[in-house]
Amino acid sequence: MTVTSLLQIIIGFVGLVCIAIPFSQNRSSINYRYIFAAIILQIILAFALLKIPFIVQIFAYLSEGVTALQAATQEGAEFVFGYLSNSSTSPFASSGTGNSMIFAFQILPLIIVISSLSALLWFWNILPLIIRAISKIFEKLFNIGGPIGLGATANIIMGQVEAPLLVRPYLSRMSEKELLILMTAGMSTVS
């Protein structure tokens, strides 16, 4: 890591915090301990995810699992919808890039599969168990509950649309602040 990249990281952290604070709805209720804890946790996680081989391998396996699920969904959609779900097999000439994507046949099947899978995991009481475990960690560090923690954590592996589906039963009970955290986490990650 060079001095320039380290300086860039520090400016990014400080800059984002300095931008967020003036836009806070209630500046007097900001607990700076949580901000510093989040930054420290982010640095520790970045180091662990990039430098510790077995953790890198665990996330590689998780990523491969999600990619396999996505590929299986794509194959199923191609079986059901034919060339509509895969623009590369279309019998018609394409006039350019970006105009052959059909949301209902290419994106929606994955959303339906993830939603069904999360409903099954919820029914089998696997998802509530995961939420309780994450809840304990995030409650101690940041004073937030498990659904927000799971939704934000799922954004690492899944997309912005699929991750909130994991905590769908909790969405109606979330406060305005919690929904904003969940939406911000979704917008700030790239899966």
Protein backbone atom coordinates (compact mmCIF):
# COMPACT_ATOMS: atom_id res chain seq x y z
CA MET A 1 0.00 0.00 0.00
CA THR A 2 1.47 3.32 -1.03
CA VAL A 3 1.27 6.59 0.86
CA THR A 4 -0.97 8.00 -1.86
CA SER A 5 -3.52 5.19 -1.56
CA LEU A 6 -3.46 5.43 2.26
CA LEU A 7 -4.05 9.17 2.05
CA GLN A 8 -6.88 8.56 -0.41
CA ILE A 9 -8.52 6.12 2.03
CA ILE A 10 -8.26 8.56 4.94
CA ILE A 11 -9.65 11.43 2.85
CA GLY A 12 -12.51 9.15 1.76
CA PHE A 13 -13.44 8.19 5.33
CA VAL A 14 -13.19 11.73 6.68
CA GLY A 15 -14.87 13.24 3.62
CA LEU A 16 -17.89 10.96 3.75
CA VAL A 17 -18.39 11.54 7.47
CA CYS A 18 -18.04 15.31 6.99
CA ILE A 19 -20.62 15.20 4.19
CA ALA A 20 -23.08 13.02 6.14
CA ILE A 21 -23.07 14.94 9.43
CA PRO A 22 -24.55 18.22 8.10
CA PHE A 23 -27.37 16.29 6.42
CA SER A 24 -28.31 14.47 9.62
CA GLN A 25 -31.88 14.93 10.79
CA ASN A 26 -30.79 15.20 14.43
CA ARG A 27 -27.10 16.15 14.73
CA SER A 28 -27.15 16.23 18.52
CA SER A 29 -28.02 12.53 18.71
CA ILE A 30 -25.00 11.40 16.67
CA ASN A 31 -22.87 9.02 18.69
CA TYR A 32 -19.35 9.37 17.33
CA ARG A 33 -18.30 6.16 19.07
CA TYR A 34 -20.39 4.23 16.53
CA ILE A 35 -18.80 6.10 13.65
CA PHE A 36 -15.29 5.30 14.84
CA ALA A 37 -16.25 1.69 15.63
CA ALA A 38 -17.67 1.30 12.11
CA ILE A 39 -14.52 2.72 10.51
CA ILE A 40 -12.28 0.46 12.61
CA LEU A 41 -14.47 -2.56 11.81
CA GLN A 42 -14.36 -1.70 8.12
CA ILE A 43 -10.56 -1.53 8.18
CA ILE A 44 -10.35 -4.86 10.04
CA LEU A 45 -12.80 -6.50 7.61
CA ALA A 46 -10.96 -5.11 4.59
CA PHE A 47 -7.70 -6.55 5.90
CA ALA A 48 -9.34 -9.90 6.71
CA LEU A 49 -11.16 -10.18 3.39
CA LEU A 50 -8.10 -9.25 1.35
CA LYS A 51 -5.16 -10.71 3.29
CA ILE A 52 -6.26 -13.75 5.34
CA PRO A 53 -6.36 -16.72 2.93
CA PHE A 54 -9.01 -18.90 4.58
CA ILE A 55 -11.44 -15.95 4.90
CA VAL A 56 -10.82 -15.06 1.26
CA GLN A 57 -11.56 -18.70 0.41
CA ILE A 58 -14.80 -18.72 2.45
CA PHE A 59 -16.11 -15.67 0.61
CA ALA A 60 -14.95 -17.13 -2.70
CA TYR A 61 -17.07 -20.23 -1.97
CA LEU A 62 -20.06 -18.08 -1.00
CA SER A 63 -19.63 -16.05 -4.17
CA GLU A 64 -19.40 -19.23 -6.25
CA GLY A 65 -22.61 -20.45 -4.64
CA VAL A 66 -24.45 -17.26 -5.52
CA THR A 67 -22.99 -17.35 -9.04
CA ALA A 68 -24.13 -20.99 -9.43
CA LEU A 69 -27.60 -20.03 -8.23
CA GLN A 70 -27.65 -17.18 -10.74
CA ALA A 71 -26.46 -19.46 -13.56
CA ALA A 72 -29.08 -22.11 -12.69
CA THR A 73 -31.77 -19.43 -12.66
CA GLN A 74 -30.55 -18.17 -16.04
CA GLU A 75 -30.66 -21.71 -17.47
CA GLY A 76 -34.18 -22.20 -16.11
CA ALA A 77 -35.30 -18.89 -17.55
CA GLU A 78 -33.80 -19.84 -20.93
CA PHE A 79 -35.67 -23.14 -20.79
CA VAL A 80 -38.97 -21.41 -20.03
CA PHE A 81 -38.66 -18.19 -22.04
CA GLY A 82 -36.21 -19.21 -24.77
CA TYR A 83 -34.20 -16.48 -26.48
CA LEU A 84 -36.07 -13.75 -24.57
CA SER A 85 -34.02 -14.52 -21.46
CA ASN A 86 -30.67 -14.56 -23.28
CA SER A 87 -30.08 -11.86 -25.83
CA SER A 88 -27.01 -13.63 -27.25
CA THR A 89 -29.19 -16.44 -28.65
CA SER A 90 -31.75 -14.11 -30.20
CA PRO A 91 -32.61 -14.91 -33.83
CA PHE A 92 -33.05 -11.19 -34.53
CA ALA A 93 -30.35 -8.70 -35.37
CA SER A 94 -29.46 -6.27 -32.60
CA SER A 95 -29.17 -2.60 -33.47
CA GLY A 96 -26.74 -1.84 -30.63
CA THR A 97 -25.70 -2.63 -27.12
CA GLY A 98 -28.00 -2.23 -24.16
CA ASN A 99 -31.29 -2.54 -25.99
CA SER A 100 -31.72 -6.31 -25.74
CA MET A 101 -32.14 -6.65 -21.96
CA ILE A 102 -35.69 -7.55 -20.95
CA PHE A 103 -36.22 -7.10 -17.20
CA ALA A 104 -39.13 -9.54 -16.89
CA PHE A 105 -37.22 -12.41 -18.52
CA GLN A 106 -33.63 -11.78 -17.42
CA ILE A 107 -33.71 -10.10 -13.97
CA LEU A 108 -37.09 -11.03 -12.49
CA PRO A 109 -36.46 -14.82 -12.45
CA LEU A 110 -33.46 -14.32 -10.14
CA ILE A 111 -35.50 -12.09 -7.83
CA ILE A 112 -38.24 -14.74 -7.69
CA VAL A 113 -35.73 -17.52 -6.94
CA ILE A 114 -34.02 -15.53 -4.15
CA SER A 115 -37.40 -14.58 -2.70
CA SER A 116 -38.53 -18.21 -2.74
CA LEU A 117 -35.26 -19.40 -1.24
CA SER A 118 -35.45 -16.84 1.57
CA ALA A 119 -39.07 -17.87 2.25
CA LEU A 120 -37.95 -21.50 2.51
CA LEU A 121 -35.05 -20.59 4.81
CA TRP A 122 -37.49 -18.58 6.91
CA PHE A 123 -39.95 -21.49 7.07
CA TRP A 124 -37.17 -23.88 8.14
CA ASN A 125 -36.10 -21.39 10.87
CA ILE A 126 -32.60 -21.08 9.41
CA LEU A 127 -32.89 -17.39 8.57
CA PRO A 128 -34.17 -16.36 12.03
CA LEU A 129 -31.21 -18.21 13.55
CA ILE A 130 -28.77 -16.29 11.34
CA ILE A 131 -30.54 -13.02 12.12
CA ARG A 132 -30.27 -13.65 15.87
CA ALA A 133 -26.54 -14.41 15.59
CA ILE A 134 -25.83 -11.30 13.53
CA SER A 135 -28.09 -9.30 15.82
CA LYS A 136 -25.91 -10.05 18.83
CA ILE A 137 -22.77 -8.84 17.05
CA PHE A 138 -24.31 -5.68 15.61
CA GLU A 139 -26.20 -4.87 18.81
CA LYS A 140 -22.95 -4.77 20.78
CA LEU A 141 -20.96 -2.84 18.19
CA PHE A 142 -23.48 -0.40 16.75
CA ASN A 143 -26.72 -0.71 18.71
CA ILE A 144 -28.63 -1.93 15.64
CA GLY A 145 -30.67 -5.09 15.22
CA GLY A 146 -30.13 -8.26 13.27
CA PRO A 147 -32.37 -7.55 10.28
CA ILE A 148 -30.39 -4.43 9.38
CA GLY A 149 -27.12 -6.23 9.98
CA LEU A 150 -28.16 -9.20 7.86
CA GLY A 151 -29.51 -6.96 5.09
CA ALA A 152 -26.31 -4.91 5.01
CA THR A 153 -24.12 -8.01 5.21
CA ALA A 154 -26.06 -9.78 2.46
CA ASN A 155 -25.32 -6.86 0.15
CA ILE A 156 -21.70 -8.02 0.09
CA ILE A 157 -22.66 -11.21 -1.74
CA MET A 158 -26.09 -10.52 -3.19
CA GLY A 159 -27.49 -7.58 -5.07
CA GLN A 160 -29.39 -4.53 -3.90
CA VAL A 161 -32.75 -6.08 -4.75
CA GLU A 162 -32.17 -9.59 -3.39
CA ALA A 163 -30.60 -8.69 -0.01
CA PRO A 164 -33.66 -6.93 1.51
CA LEU A 165 -35.75 -9.96 0.53
CA LEU A 166 -33.91 -11.89 3.24
CA VAL A 167 -35.35 -9.58 5.91
CA ARG A 168 -38.76 -9.07 4.29
CA PRO A 169 -40.75 -10.21 7.37
CA TYR A 170 -39.07 -7.44 9.40
CA LEU A 171 -39.54 -4.61 6.88
CA SER A 172 -42.98 -3.60 8.16
CA ARG A 173 -41.62 -3.19 11.70
CA MET A 174 -38.50 -1.21 10.79
CA SER A 175 -38.28 2.43 11.72
CA GLU A 176 -37.54 5.18 9.21
CA LYS A 177 -33.89 5.23 10.31
CA GLU A 178 -33.53 1.47 9.92
CA LEU A 179 -35.02 1.53 6.42
CA LEU A 180 -32.63 4.32 5.47
CA ILE A 181 -29.68 2.27 6.75
CA LEU A 182 -30.84 -0.73 4.72
CA MET A 183 -31.30 1.37 1.56
CA THR A 184 -27.96 3.15 2.04
CA ALA A 185 -26.17 -0.17 2.50
CA GLY A 186 -27.75 -1.41 -0.71
CA MET A 187 -26.75 1.66 -2.68
CA SER A 188 -23.20 1.68 -1.31
CA THR A 189 -22.24 -1.88 -2.22
CA VAL A 190 -21.56 -3.56 -5.51
CA SER A 191 -22.12 -7.30 -5.69
